[in-house]
């Protein structure tokens, strides 16, 4: 069920509902892995976009492509950088 600030996305064939806050909360105590190209700043850390979406959604990184992570995170209001 979507709330006003939530988005519903399909990742790896599974529907997930995310909010900006749920992503921030999920990554609060997670150490970022090394960034290859696309990164997103969440809190005081920069995460690879696939790591950020994987942790927040509970889906493995193999279940989606970088473009999906980019699209979902920007829809939530995060700035993704190259």
N, C-alpha and C. Protein backbone atom coordinates (compact mmCIF):
# COMPACT_ATOMS: atom_id res chain seq x y z
N UNK A 1 0.84 -1.18 0.00
CA UNK A 1 0.00 0.00 0.00
C UNK A 1 0.89 1.25 0.00
N UNK A 2 0.63 2.16 -0.92
CA UNK A 2 1.42 3.37 -1.01
C UNK A 2 0.87 4.46 -0.10
N UNK A 3 1.80 5.19 0.52
CA UNK A 3 1.43 6.39 1.25
C UNK A 3 1.76 7.57 0.36
N UNK A 4 1.51 8.77 0.84
CA UNK A 4 1.73 9.96 0.03
C UNK A 4 3.16 10.07 -0.48
N UNK A 5 4.15 9.76 0.35
CA UNK A 5 5.55 9.91 -0.01
C UNK A 5 6.18 8.62 -0.51
N UNK A 6 5.42 7.57 -0.64
CA UNK A 6 5.96 6.27 -1.02
C UNK A 6 5.84 6.05 -2.53
N UNK A 7 6.74 5.24 -3.02
CA UNK A 7 6.62 4.78 -4.40
C UNK A 7 6.57 3.26 -4.38
N UNK A 8 5.88 2.72 -5.34
CA UNK A 8 5.84 1.27 -5.50
C UNK A 8 6.62 0.95 -6.76
N UNK A 9 7.55 0.02 -6.64
CA UNK A 9 8.37 -0.36 -7.79
C UNK A 9 8.43 -1.87 -7.88
N UNK A 10 8.68 -2.36 -9.07
CA UNK A 10 8.86 -3.79 -9.27
C UNK A 10 10.35 -4.04 -9.45
N UNK A 11 10.90 -4.87 -8.57
CA UNK A 11 12.32 -5.19 -8.60
C UNK A 11 12.44 -6.70 -8.66
N UNK A 12 13.03 -7.20 -9.72
CA UNK A 12 13.19 -8.64 -9.85
C UNK A 12 11.87 -9.38 -9.83
N UNK A 13 10.82 -8.75 -10.35
CA UNK A 13 9.51 -9.37 -10.39
C UNK A 13 8.71 -9.24 -9.10
N UNK A 14 9.30 -8.59 -8.10
CA UNK A 14 8.62 -8.40 -6.82
C UNK A 14 8.28 -6.93 -6.61
N UNK A 15 7.07 -6.67 -6.14
CA UNK A 15 6.67 -5.29 -5.85
C UNK A 15 7.18 -4.90 -4.48
N UNK A 16 7.81 -3.73 -4.42
CA UNK A 16 8.29 -3.19 -3.15
C UNK A 16 7.78 -1.76 -3.02
N UNK A 17 7.52 -1.35 -1.80
CA UNK A 17 7.11 0.01 -1.51
C UNK A 17 8.22 0.66 -0.70
N UNK A 18 8.70 1.80 -1.19
CA UNK A 18 9.81 2.50 -0.54
C UNK A 18 9.46 3.97 -0.33
N UNK A 19 10.04 4.53 0.72
CA UNK A 19 9.99 5.97 0.94
C UNK A 19 11.43 6.44 1.09
N UNK A 20 11.63 7.73 0.98
CA UNK A 20 12.96 8.28 1.18
C UNK A 20 13.45 7.93 2.58
N UNK A 21 12.57 8.06 3.55
CA UNK A 21 12.93 7.77 4.94
C UNK A 21 13.27 6.29 5.13
N UNK A 22 12.54 5.40 4.48
CA UNK A 22 12.82 3.96 4.65
C UNK A 22 14.19 3.61 4.08
N UNK A 23 14.57 4.27 3.00
CA UNK A 23 15.90 4.05 2.41
C UNK A 23 16.97 4.58 3.37
N UNK A 24 16.77 5.79 3.87
CA UNK A 24 17.73 6.38 4.81
C UNK A 24 17.88 5.52 6.06
N UNK A 25 16.76 5.05 6.60
CA UNK A 25 16.79 4.21 7.80
C UNK A 25 17.51 2.89 7.54
N UNK A 26 17.26 2.28 6.39
CA UNK A 26 17.87 0.99 6.06
C UNK A 26 19.38 1.09 5.95
N UNK A 27 19.87 2.24 5.49
CA UNK A 27 21.31 2.39 5.26
C UNK A 27 22.05 3.05 6.42
N UNK A 28 21.34 3.43 7.44
CA UNK A 28 21.93 4.19 8.55
C UNK A 28 23.22 3.58 9.09
N UNK A 29 23.25 2.29 9.32
CA UNK A 29 24.42 1.65 9.92
C UNK A 29 25.16 0.74 8.93
N UNK A 30 24.97 0.97 7.65
CA UNK A 30 25.59 0.14 6.62
C UNK A 30 26.83 0.83 6.07
N UNK A 31 27.91 0.10 6.01
CA UNK A 31 29.16 0.64 5.47
C UNK A 31 29.09 0.55 3.94
N UNK A 32 29.37 1.67 3.24
CA UNK A 32 29.32 1.64 1.78
C UNK A 32 30.44 0.77 1.19
N UNK A 33 30.12 0.09 0.10
CA UNK A 33 31.16 -0.60 -0.66
C UNK A 33 31.76 0.41 -1.63
N UNK A 34 32.78 0.01 -2.36
CA UNK A 34 33.42 0.96 -3.27
C UNK A 34 32.49 1.30 -4.44
N UNK A 35 32.50 2.56 -4.79
CA UNK A 35 31.65 3.06 -5.88
C UNK A 35 32.37 2.84 -7.20
N UNK A 36 31.68 2.22 -8.15
CA UNK A 36 32.26 2.02 -9.47
C UNK A 36 31.94 3.20 -10.39
N UNK A 37 30.70 3.60 -10.48
CA UNK A 37 30.33 4.72 -11.35
C UNK A 37 29.25 5.59 -10.73
N UNK A 38 28.06 5.04 -10.51
CA UNK A 38 26.94 5.83 -9.99
C UNK A 38 26.89 5.75 -8.48
N UNK A 39 26.73 6.91 -7.84
CA UNK A 39 26.69 6.95 -6.38
C UNK A 39 25.55 7.85 -5.93
N UNK A 40 25.09 7.58 -4.72
CA UNK A 40 24.02 8.35 -4.13
C UNK A 40 24.43 8.69 -2.71
N UNK A 41 24.28 9.95 -2.34
CA UNK A 41 24.61 10.37 -0.98
C UNK A 41 23.38 10.19 -0.09
N UNK A 42 23.58 9.40 0.95
CA UNK A 42 22.52 9.16 1.93
C UNK A 42 23.14 9.35 3.30
N UNK A 43 22.63 10.31 4.03
CA UNK A 43 23.26 10.68 5.29
C UNK A 43 24.61 11.30 4.98
N UNK A 44 25.65 10.83 5.65
CA UNK A 44 26.99 11.35 5.43
C UNK A 44 27.84 10.45 4.56
N UNK A 45 27.24 9.45 3.94
CA UNK A 45 27.99 8.47 3.15
C UNK A 45 27.51 8.45 1.70
N UNK A 46 28.42 8.03 0.82
CA UNK A 46 28.07 7.83 -0.58
C UNK A 46 28.08 6.33 -0.87
N UNK A 47 26.98 5.84 -1.40
CA UNK A 47 26.80 4.43 -1.67
C UNK A 47 26.69 4.19 -3.17
N UNK A 48 27.15 3.03 -3.64
CA UNK A 48 26.81 2.64 -5.00
C UNK A 48 25.28 2.52 -5.08
N UNK A 49 24.69 2.95 -6.17
CA UNK A 49 23.22 2.94 -6.25
C UNK A 49 22.64 1.55 -6.09
N UNK A 50 23.33 0.54 -6.61
CA UNK A 50 22.80 -0.82 -6.48
C UNK A 50 22.85 -1.31 -5.04
N UNK A 51 23.89 -0.96 -4.30
CA UNK A 51 23.95 -1.34 -2.88
C UNK A 51 22.81 -0.66 -2.11
N UNK A 52 22.62 0.62 -2.37
CA UNK A 52 21.58 1.37 -1.65
C UNK A 52 20.20 0.75 -1.88
N UNK A 53 19.88 0.46 -3.13
CA UNK A 53 18.56 -0.10 -3.43
C UNK A 53 18.44 -1.53 -2.90
N UNK A 54 19.50 -2.30 -3.00
CA UNK A 54 19.47 -3.67 -2.50
C UNK A 54 19.19 -3.72 -1.00
N UNK A 55 19.92 -2.92 -0.24
CA UNK A 55 19.73 -2.90 1.20
C UNK A 55 18.33 -2.41 1.55
N UNK A 56 17.89 -1.35 0.90
CA UNK A 56 16.58 -0.76 1.21
C UNK A 56 15.42 -1.67 0.83
N UNK A 57 15.56 -2.40 -0.27
CA UNK A 57 14.46 -3.22 -0.76
C UNK A 57 14.52 -4.67 -0.29
N UNK A 58 15.70 -5.12 0.15
CA UNK A 58 15.86 -6.51 0.52
C UNK A 58 16.07 -7.43 -0.67
N UNK A 59 16.23 -6.85 -1.85
CA UNK A 59 16.44 -7.64 -3.07
C UNK A 59 17.94 -7.71 -3.38
N UNK A 60 18.41 -8.84 -3.89
CA UNK A 60 19.83 -8.93 -4.24
C UNK A 60 20.16 -8.03 -5.42
N UNK A 61 21.40 -7.57 -5.49
CA UNK A 61 21.79 -6.67 -6.58
C UNK A 61 21.66 -7.34 -7.95
N UNK A 62 21.70 -8.64 -8.00
CA UNK A 62 21.55 -9.35 -9.27
C UNK A 62 20.12 -9.28 -9.81
N UNK A 63 19.17 -8.86 -8.99
CA UNK A 63 17.76 -8.84 -9.38
C UNK A 63 17.38 -7.61 -10.21
N UNK A 64 18.29 -6.63 -10.31
CA UNK A 64 17.97 -5.40 -11.04
C UNK A 64 19.25 -4.81 -11.63
N UNK A 65 19.07 -3.88 -12.56
CA UNK A 65 20.22 -3.23 -13.19
C UNK A 65 20.40 -1.83 -12.61
N UNK A 66 21.56 -1.26 -12.87
CA UNK A 66 21.89 0.07 -12.34
C UNK A 66 20.84 1.10 -12.74
N UNK A 67 20.35 1.02 -13.96
CA UNK A 67 19.34 1.97 -14.43
C UNK A 67 18.09 1.92 -13.56
N UNK A 68 17.69 0.74 -13.12
CA UNK A 68 16.53 0.62 -12.23
C UNK A 68 16.80 1.33 -10.91
N UNK A 69 17.99 1.09 -10.34
CA UNK A 69 18.35 1.73 -9.08
C UNK A 69 18.37 3.25 -9.23
N UNK A 70 18.96 3.72 -10.31
CA UNK A 70 19.02 5.16 -10.60
C UNK A 70 17.61 5.75 -10.65
N UNK A 71 16.75 5.11 -11.41
CA UNK A 71 15.38 5.60 -11.60
C UNK A 71 14.60 5.63 -10.28
N UNK A 72 14.68 4.57 -9.51
CA UNK A 72 13.92 4.48 -8.26
C UNK A 72 14.44 5.49 -7.24
N UNK A 73 15.75 5.57 -7.09
CA UNK A 73 16.32 6.50 -6.10
C UNK A 73 16.06 7.96 -6.47
N UNK A 74 16.11 8.30 -7.75
CA UNK A 74 15.80 9.68 -8.13
C UNK A 74 14.32 9.98 -7.94
N UNK A 75 13.46 9.01 -8.18
CA UNK A 75 12.02 9.21 -7.93
C UNK A 75 11.74 9.49 -6.46
N UNK A 76 12.59 8.93 -5.60
CA UNK A 76 12.43 9.16 -4.16
C UNK A 76 13.02 10.50 -3.71
N UNK A 77 13.71 11.18 -4.62
CA UNK A 77 14.25 12.49 -4.27
C UNK A 77 15.74 12.52 -3.99
N UNK A 78 16.40 11.39 -4.17
CA UNK A 78 17.86 11.37 -3.97
C UNK A 78 18.56 11.87 -5.22
N UNK A 79 19.71 12.49 -5.04
CA UNK A 79 20.53 12.94 -6.17
C UNK A 79 21.57 11.87 -6.45
N UNK A 80 21.52 11.32 -7.65
CA UNK A 80 22.49 10.31 -8.07
C UNK A 80 23.54 11.00 -8.91
N UNK A 81 24.80 10.73 -8.59
CA UNK A 81 25.93 11.35 -9.30
C UNK A 81 26.77 10.30 -9.99
N UNK A 82 27.47 10.76 -11.03
CA UNK A 82 28.41 9.90 -11.75
C UNK A 82 29.79 10.15 -11.20
